[in-house]
C-alpha cells in the first residue's frame, strides 16, 4: 500500500517532511499523537482536539478489549464512530502490556495469558487475537504484536525475546485486516546493536506499511535511545513512515526528528496535566499547583496562544487544582496538547526552511 509520501529530507540531518495518507485523512509529518487509551484523550472532547489541530490519536488494544470489548465497538460502527473522531486513529497491539503488566501475565509460544488487572479474569492475547481485535476496532494504523523488553535486559534475554517478537510479527502479517488498515512492524532488540539491526532487516524483508521502533523510553539513558535510533533508521525504507513508540519529551522529539523519525506518541502531556504540571517554551515544565503561584496573575506561558493562556492565570488554575475542580486539569491538558502540536508544527516549518538546527538551543540546559 503506497500510503506515505516523502516530501523533503534535510541534507544536513535525517529530518524529513512527509504526508501519511489514511482512510480518515492525511497526516503531515513529523507528527505527535496524543494518547486516547480507552477511547478518549483524557479530559478532552473530540471537538477540542480538532481545535488544537490534532491530526491523529491512539487507542489501546488491551484496554479496549477488556472494556467495552471489540464486539460492542464494531457494532457501533468502529472506533471512529464510537468516539466521534473522524480523523486517523492508530491502535497499539497490546505488546506494551506484555512489559508493563509483567506480574499479571504468563508467556506462551503463540502469545500471552493475562490475568485482567480489573478483576483477575484470565484471557489469552497473541498476534492472531490482537489483529482480530484491531480489525474490529477499525483503526487506520494497526501495530504488529510484539514483546517490549525491560531495561536493563541481558543480551540472552533480549535475543530470546527478539526471536519471539519476530515470529509474532510474521504471524501478525499473515492475519486478515480491513482493506483500509495499514500494519506497522516494530523493531525490538533492547540496547544491543546487532539485535536491533537484525530486527530491522528481518522486518523490512517481511514487508510492512510502516516501521516502528519500540522498547525505548523504558528507563535507558537518553543518549542510549538516540544511539539506537542512529543504528536503526538508516536500515528502514525511506519511502515508509517511521514511528518512535512512547516518546517523549520535547527534546526527545526534536532529537528523534533529527535522526529520521516521523511519528511520536506519549502520555506525558495528559498525565503531567493531571498532576498539575504544564509545559513551557524550552520543553520544561512548571508545577502550577505549587504555592509560589498562589498570587501569580500571569499566564502559564506568556508566549502561548492557547485558550488556557489567553484567558486564565496561574493563580486561578492553581486554585482550581487545589479545590479539585475538573476545569483545572482540563485547562492544563489543553495547554499541554497545544504545546506539543505547536512544537511539531514549528519543527515542520524549520525543516522546510532548512533551519532545524536553530531549534537546538531551545532544549539546552
Protein backbone atom coordinates (compact mmCIF):
# COMPACT_ATOMS: atom_id res chain seq x y z
CA UNK A 1 0.00 0.00 0.00
CA UNK A 2 1.50 3.32 -1.10
CA UNK A 3 0.48 5.44 1.88
CA UNK A 4 3.46 7.68 2.62
CA UNK A 5 4.86 10.50 0.53
CA UNK A 6 8.34 11.73 1.44
CA UNK A 7 8.29 15.42 0.57
CA UNK A 8 11.73 16.52 1.71
CA UNK A 9 14.76 15.28 3.63
CA UNK A 10 17.19 17.71 5.21
CA UNK A 11 20.64 17.02 3.70
CA UNK A 12 22.30 18.17 6.93
CA UNK A 13 20.43 15.64 9.10
CA UNK A 14 17.93 12.83 8.85
CA UNK A 15 14.94 15.15 9.38
CA UNK A 16 12.06 14.51 6.98
CA UNK A 17 8.81 16.12 5.89
CA UNK A 18 6.12 13.72 4.76
CA UNK A 19 2.45 13.01 4.25
CA UNK A 20 0.84 9.87 5.64
CA UNK A 21 -2.38 9.10 3.80
CA UNK A 22 -5.12 7.20 5.61
CA UNK A 23 -8.78 6.45 5.01
CA UNK A 24 -9.69 9.15 7.53
CA UNK A 25 -7.39 11.91 6.35
CA UNK A 26 -3.81 12.89 5.61
CA UNK A 27 -1.28 13.41 8.40
CA UNK A 28 1.55 15.90 7.99
CA UNK A 29 4.77 14.56 9.50
CA UNK A 30 6.68 14.88 11.79
CA UNK A 31 3.64 14.46 14.00
CA UNK A 32 2.87 14.00 17.68
CA UNK A 33 -0.09 11.73 18.51
CA UNK A 34 -1.96 12.25 21.81
CA UNK A 35 -2.85 9.00 23.55
CA UNK A 36 -6.53 8.05 23.87
CA UNK A 37 -6.11 4.80 25.78
CA UNK A 38 -9.74 3.90 26.45
CA UNK A 39 -11.38 5.66 23.51
CA UNK A 40 -10.77 9.21 24.68
CA UNK A 41 -7.85 11.58 25.16
CA UNK A 42 -8.22 12.21 28.87
CA UNK A 43 -10.15 15.39 29.76
CA UNK A 44 -10.55 16.48 26.10
CA UNK A 45 -13.52 16.31 23.75
CA UNK A 46 -13.00 15.45 20.06
CA UNK A 47 -14.04 18.99 19.10
CA UNK A 48 -11.37 20.46 21.38
CA UNK A 49 -8.76 18.17 19.83
CA UNK A 50 -9.79 19.36 16.38
CA UNK A 51 -9.48 22.98 17.53
CA UNK A 52 -5.96 22.17 18.74
CA UNK A 53 -5.10 20.84 15.24
CA UNK A 54 -4.57 17.27 16.46
CA UNK A 55 -4.17 15.14 13.36
CA UNK A 56 -4.18 11.59 14.74
CA UNK A 57 -4.76 9.91 18.10
CA UNK A 58 -4.07 6.49 19.63
CA UNK A 59 -6.24 3.77 21.11
CA UNK A 60 -5.13 0.89 23.32
CA UNK A 61 -6.00 -2.62 22.12
CA UNK A 62 -5.57 -4.28 25.52
CA UNK A 63 -7.76 -1.82 27.42
CA UNK A 64 -10.46 -1.57 24.74
CA UNK A 65 -10.57 -5.37 24.55
CA UNK A 66 -11.32 -5.56 28.28
CA UNK A 67 -13.83 -2.69 28.31
CA UNK A 68 -16.13 -2.22 26.47
CA UNK A 69 -14.98 -5.03 24.15
CA UNK A 70 -14.29 -5.08 20.40
CA UNK A 71 -17.69 -6.62 19.59
CA UNK A 72 -19.54 -3.64 21.01
CA UNK A 73 -17.22 -1.14 19.28
CA UNK A 74 -17.62 -2.93 15.95
CA UNK A 75 -21.40 -2.96 16.40
CA UNK A 76 -21.23 0.82 16.98
CA UNK A 77 -19.57 1.20 13.58
CA UNK A 78 -15.93 1.05 14.67
CA UNK A 79 -13.77 3.12 16.98
CA UNK A 80 -14.05 6.29 14.86
CA UNK A 81 -17.84 6.40 15.14
CA UNK A 82 -17.88 5.11 18.72
CA UNK A 83 -15.79 8.04 19.97
CA UNK A 84 -16.87 10.55 17.28
CA UNK A 85 -13.38 11.07 15.89
CA UNK A 86 -13.46 11.24 12.09
CA UNK A 87 -9.70 11.52 11.74
CA UNK A 88 -6.89 8.93 11.74
CA UNK A 89 -6.50 6.52 14.67
CA UNK A 90 -3.54 4.27 15.46
CA UNK A 91 -4.07 1.32 17.79
CA UNK A 92 -1.23 -0.39 19.64
CA UNK A 93 -1.20 -4.17 19.76
CA UNK A 94 -1.13 -4.94 23.48
CA UNK A 95 2.57 -5.76 23.25
CA UNK A 96 3.49 -2.95 25.64
CA UNK A 97 1.25 -4.54 28.29
CA UNK A 98 3.40 -7.68 28.00
CA UNK A 99 6.09 -5.42 29.50
CA UNK A 100 4.09 -3.12 31.78
CA UNK A 101 1.86 -5.88 33.25
CA UNK A 102 4.61 -8.49 33.55
CA UNK A 103 3.36 -9.52 37.01
CA UNK A 104 -0.06 -10.37 35.52
CA UNK A 105 0.95 -12.45 32.52
CA UNK A 106 2.39 -15.81 31.53
CA UNK A 107 4.28 -16.20 28.27
CA UNK A 108 3.09 -18.88 25.83
CA UNK A 109 4.52 -19.87 22.40
CA UNK A 110 1.77 -18.09 20.45
CA UNK A 111 1.03 -15.21 22.80
CA UNK A 112 0.45 -14.23 26.40
CA UNK A 113 -2.01 -15.37 29.04
CA UNK A 114 -3.07 -12.37 31.11
CA UNK A 115 -4.89 -12.01 34.38
CA UNK A 116 -7.07 -8.94 33.94
CA UNK A 117 -5.84 -6.01 36.02
CA UNK A 118 -9.52 -5.22 36.65
CA UNK A 119 -10.91 -8.44 38.14
CA UNK A 120 -8.30 -11.16 37.61
CA UNK A 121 -10.20 -12.88 34.78
CA UNK A 122 -7.79 -14.85 32.63
CA UNK A 123 -7.63 -14.36 28.87
CA UNK A 124 -5.21 -15.01 26.01
CA UNK A 125 -3.72 -12.39 23.70
CA UNK A 126 -1.39 -13.20 20.82
CA UNK A 127 -0.80 -11.96 17.28
CA UNK A 128 -3.94 -13.62 15.93
CA UNK A 129 -6.11 -12.25 18.70
CA UNK A 130 -4.54 -8.78 18.59
CA UNK A 131 -5.06 -8.47 14.84
CA UNK A 132 -8.67 -9.65 15.16
CA UNK A 133 -9.35 -7.05 17.87
CA UNK A 134 -7.75 -4.24 15.86
CA UNK A 135 -9.65 -5.33 12.77
CA UNK A 136 -12.89 -4.99 14.76
CA UNK A 137 -11.82 -1.57 16.08
CA UNK A 138 -11.25 -0.41 12.50
CA UNK A 139 -8.24 1.79 13.25
CA UNK A 140 -6.28 3.23 10.34
CA UNK A 141 -2.91 2.00 11.60
CA UNK A 142 -2.57 -1.40 13.27
CA UNK A 143 0.52 -2.37 15.24
CA UNK A 144 2.02 -5.85 15.00
CA UNK A 145 2.04 -7.89 18.23
CA UNK A 146 5.44 -7.87 19.93
CA UNK A 147 7.14 -8.16 23.30
CA UNK A 148 8.60 -4.98 24.75
CA UNK A 149 11.74 -5.84 26.74
CA UNK A 150 12.57 -4.11 30.03
CA UNK A 151 15.72 -2.13 30.77
CA UNK A 152 18.20 -3.32 31.81
CA UNK A 153 17.96 -6.60 29.97
CA UNK A 154 20.72 -9.16 29.43
CA UNK A 155 21.83 -9.99 25.91
CA UNK A 156 20.49 -13.51 26.26
CA UNK A 157 17.08 -12.24 27.42
CA UNK A 158 16.94 -9.68 24.62
CA UNK A 159 17.91 -12.25 21.96
CA UNK A 160 15.30 -14.74 23.19
CA UNK A 161 12.64 -12.03 23.29
CA UNK A 162 13.55 -10.87 19.79
CA UNK A 163 13.14 -14.39 18.41
CA UNK A 164 9.63 -14.46 19.88
CA UNK A 165 8.81 -10.95 18.64
CA UNK A 166 9.92 -11.63 15.07
CA UNK A 167 7.81 -14.79 14.95
CA UNK A 168 4.80 -12.97 16.37
CA UNK A 169 5.23 -10.14 13.87
CA UNK A 170 5.35 -12.57 10.96
CA UNK A 171 2.16 -14.13 12.33
CA UNK A 172 0.62 -10.66 12.59
CA UNK A 173 1.44 -10.06 8.93
CA UNK A 174 -0.42 -13.21 7.95
CA UNK A 175 -3.70 -12.12 9.55
CA UNK A 176 -6.54 -10.53 7.60
CA UNK A 177 -7.23 -6.85 8.23
CA UNK A 178 -9.77 -4.49 6.71
CA UNK A 179 -8.88 -3.05 3.32
CA UNK A 180 -8.20 0.46 4.67
CA UNK A 181 -5.91 -0.67 7.50
CA UNK A 182 -2.13 -0.36 7.48
CA UNK A 183 0.13 -2.64 9.52
CA UNK A 184 3.33 -1.38 11.14
CA UNK A 185 6.16 -3.68 12.24
CA UNK A 186 8.06 -2.95 15.46
CA UNK A 187 11.85 -3.06 15.76
CA UNK A 188 12.98 -4.53 19.10
CA UNK A 189 16.33 -5.77 20.46
CA UNK A 190 16.82 -3.75 23.65
CA UNK A 191 20.06 -1.71 23.57
CA UNK A 192 22.12 -4.24 21.58
CA UNK A 193 23.17 -3.06 18.15
CA UNK A 194 23.33 -6.42 16.39
CA UNK A 195 19.87 -7.36 17.68
CA UNK A 196 18.38 -4.04 16.64
CA UNK A 197 19.93 -4.33 13.19
CA UNK A 198 18.77 -7.92 12.80
CA UNK A 199 15.25 -6.93 13.83
CA UNK A 200 15.11 -4.05 11.34
CA UNK A 201 16.45 -6.12 8.45
CA UNK A 202 14.09 -9.05 9.04
CA UNK A 203 11.07 -6.79 9.36
CA UNK A 204 11.93 -4.99 6.13
CA UNK A 205 12.28 -8.37 4.44
CA UNK A 206 8.83 -9.39 5.74
CA UNK A 207 7.38 -6.11 4.47
CA UNK A 208 5.16 -3.71 6.40
CA UNK A 209 3.31 -0.48 5.61
CA UNK A 210 5.40 1.37 8.19
CA UNK A 211 8.09 0.67 10.77
CA UNK A 212 8.13 1.44 14.47
CA UNK A 213 10.94 1.44 16.98
CA UNK A 214 9.79 0.02 20.30
CA UNK A 215 11.43 -0.90 23.58
CA UNK A 216 12.87 2.57 24.19
CA UNK A 217 11.96 5.15 26.82
CA UNK A 218 11.74 2.28 29.33
CA UNK A 219 14.49 3.53 31.64
CA UNK A 220 17.59 3.59 29.44
CA UNK A 221 19.78 6.74 29.32
CA UNK A 222 18.59 9.31 26.81
CA UNK A 223 21.83 9.12 24.84
CA UNK A 224 21.37 5.36 24.50
CA UNK A 225 17.96 5.98 22.97
CA UNK A 226 19.46 8.37 20.42
CA UNK A 227 22.24 5.90 19.64
CA UNK A 228 19.70 3.14 18.96
CA UNK A 229 17.89 5.42 16.51
CA UNK A 230 21.16 6.05 14.69
CA UNK A 231 21.61 2.29 14.27
CA UNK A 232 18.09 1.58 13.11
CA UNK A 233 16.72 4.40 10.96
CA UNK A 234 19.30 4.01 8.13
CA UNK A 235 18.10 0.40 7.73
CA UNK A 236 14.43 1.33 7.29
CA UNK A 237 12.95 2.11 3.85
CA UNK A 238 12.94 5.84 3.07
CA UNK A 239 9.54 5.55 1.43
CA UNK A 240 7.86 4.22 4.59
CA UNK A 241 6.83 6.12 7.76
CA UNK A 242 8.94 5.69 10.91
CA UNK A 243 7.37 5.76 14.35
CA UNK A 244 9.18 6.01 17.70
CA UNK A 245 6.80 4.50 20.23
CA UNK A 246 6.08 6.08 23.61
CA UNK A 247 8.40 9.08 23.15
CA UNK A 248 8.55 11.52 24.64
CA UNK A 249 9.85 14.80 25.98
CA UNK A 250 10.08 17.82 23.68
CA UNK A 251 13.86 17.37 23.45
CA UNK A 252 13.50 13.68 22.61
CA UNK A 253 11.01 14.51 19.86
CA UNK A 254 13.36 17.11 18.41
CA UNK A 255 16.34 14.76 18.54
CA UNK A 256 14.24 11.93 17.12
CA UNK A 257 13.25 14.09 14.16
CA UNK A 258 16.91 14.87 13.55
CA UNK A 259 17.50 11.12 13.32
CA UNK A 260 14.78 10.48 10.77
CA UNK A 261 11.68 9.76 12.89
CA UNK A 262 8.27 10.83 11.55
CA UNK A 263 5.78 9.89 14.28
CA UNK A 264 5.72 10.13 18.08
CA UNK A 265 3.28 9.44 20.92
CA UNK A 266 3.37 9.81 24.67
CA UNK A 267 1.00 10.05 27.64
CA UNK A 268 3.16 12.83 29.10
CA UNK A 269 1.01 15.86 28.12
CA UNK A 270 -2.14 14.44 29.72
CA UNK A 271 -0.52 12.59 32.62
CA UNK A 272 1.53 15.56 33.80
CA UNK A 273 -1.52 17.80 33.47
CA UNK A 274 -3.40 15.58 35.93
CA UNK A 275 -0.54 16.20 38.38
CA UNK A 276 -0.67 19.96 37.84
CA UNK A 277 2.40 20.36 35.62
CA UNK A 278 2.41 22.47 32.48
CA UNK A 279 4.91 22.61 29.60
CA UNK A 280 6.52 25.93 28.74
CA UNK A 281 8.77 27.02 25.90
CA UNK A 282 12.10 25.21 26.02
CA UNK A 283 10.50 21.88 26.88
CA UNK A 284 10.50 22.48 30.63
CA UNK A 285 7.54 22.01 32.96
CA UNK A 286 6.30 24.16 35.82
CA UNK A 287 4.29 22.86 38.82
CA UNK A 288 1.26 25.15 38.60
CA UNK A 289 -0.12 23.64 41.80
CA UNK A 290 2.87 24.93 43.79
CA UNK A 291 2.37 27.54 46.48
CA UNK A 292 4.63 30.07 44.77
CA UNK A 293 1.96 30.59 42.11
CA UNK A 294 -0.80 31.48 44.61
CA UNK A 295 -0.67 35.18 43.66
CA UNK A 296 0.79 34.83 40.18
CA UNK A 297 -1.66 36.52 37.83
CA UNK A 298 0.32 35.83 34.67
CA UNK A 299 -0.47 33.11 32.09
CA UNK A 300 1.02 29.62 32.36
CA UNK A 301 3.25 30.58 29.40
CA UNK A 302 3.18 34.21 28.18
CA UNK A 303 4.40 33.02 24.75
CA UNK A 304 1.48 30.59 24.33
CA UNK A 305 -1.67 31.38 22.33
CA UNK A 306 -3.87 28.55 23.64
CA UNK A 307 -7.26 29.17 25.29
CA UNK A 308 -5.82 28.44 28.73
CA UNK A 309 -3.04 31.01 28.44
CA UNK A 310 -5.09 33.74 26.76
CA UNK A 311 -7.91 33.63 29.34
CA UNK A 312 -6.61 32.43 32.71
CA UNK A 313 -3.79 32.94 35.22
CA UNK A 314 -1.59 30.57 37.15
CA UNK A 315 -3.27 31.73 40.36
CA UNK A 316 -6.72 30.78 39.08
CA UNK A 317 -5.65 27.41 37.70
CA UNK A 318 -3.78 26.65 40.92
CA UNK A 319 -6.96 27.41 42.84
CA UNK A 320 -8.94 25.02 40.63
CA UNK A 321 -6.40 22.26 41.15
CA UNK A 322 -6.31 22.73 44.90
CA UNK A 323 -10.08 22.51 45.27
CA UNK A 324 -10.26 19.54 42.86
CA UNK A 325 -12.26 21.32 40.19
CA UNK A 326 -12.20 19.39 36.91
CA UNK A 327 -11.64 22.56 34.90
CA UNK A 328 -8.11 22.91 36.29
CA UNK A 329 -6.99 19.58 34.83
CA UNK A 330 -8.84 20.28 31.58
CA UNK A 331 -7.15 23.65 31.10
CA UNK A 332 -3.62 22.33 31.70
CA UNK A 333 -4.32 19.32 29.47
CA UNK A 334 -5.49 21.64 26.72
CA UNK A 335 -2.40 23.78 27.17
CA UNK A 336 -0.01 20.80 27.16
CA UNK A 337 -1.51 19.29 24.00
CA UNK A 338 -1.36 22.72 22.35
CA UNK A 339 2.31 22.88 23.29
CA UNK A 340 3.09 19.56 21.57
CA UNK A 341 1.04 20.47 18.49
CA UNK A 342 2.83 23.81 18.25
CA UNK A 343 6.21 22.13 18.79
CA UNK A 344 5.76 19.73 15.88
CA UNK A 345 4.30 22.50 13.70
CA UNK A 346 7.40 24.61 14.30
CA UNK A 347 9.64 21.61 13.66
CA UNK A 348 7.96 21.08 10.28
CA UNK A 349 8.39 24.75 9.43
CA UNK A 350 12.09 24.68 10.38
CA UNK A 351 12.71 21.55 8.29
CA UNK A 352 11.07 23.22 5.29
CA UNK A 353 13.17 26.35 5.82
CA UNK A 354 16.40 24.42 6.37
CA UNK A 355 16.81 25.93 9.84
CA UNK A 356 16.11 22.95 12.13
CA UNK A 357 19.47 23.27 13.89
CA UNK A 358 18.41 26.70 15.16
CA UNK A 359 15.93 24.99 17.48
CA UNK A 360 18.66 23.09 19.34
CA UNK A 361 19.32 25.96 21.75
CA UNK A 362 15.69 25.77 22.86
CA UNK A 363 16.32 22.44 24.60
CA UNK A 364 19.70 23.12 26.20
CA UNK A 365 20.16 23.25 29.92
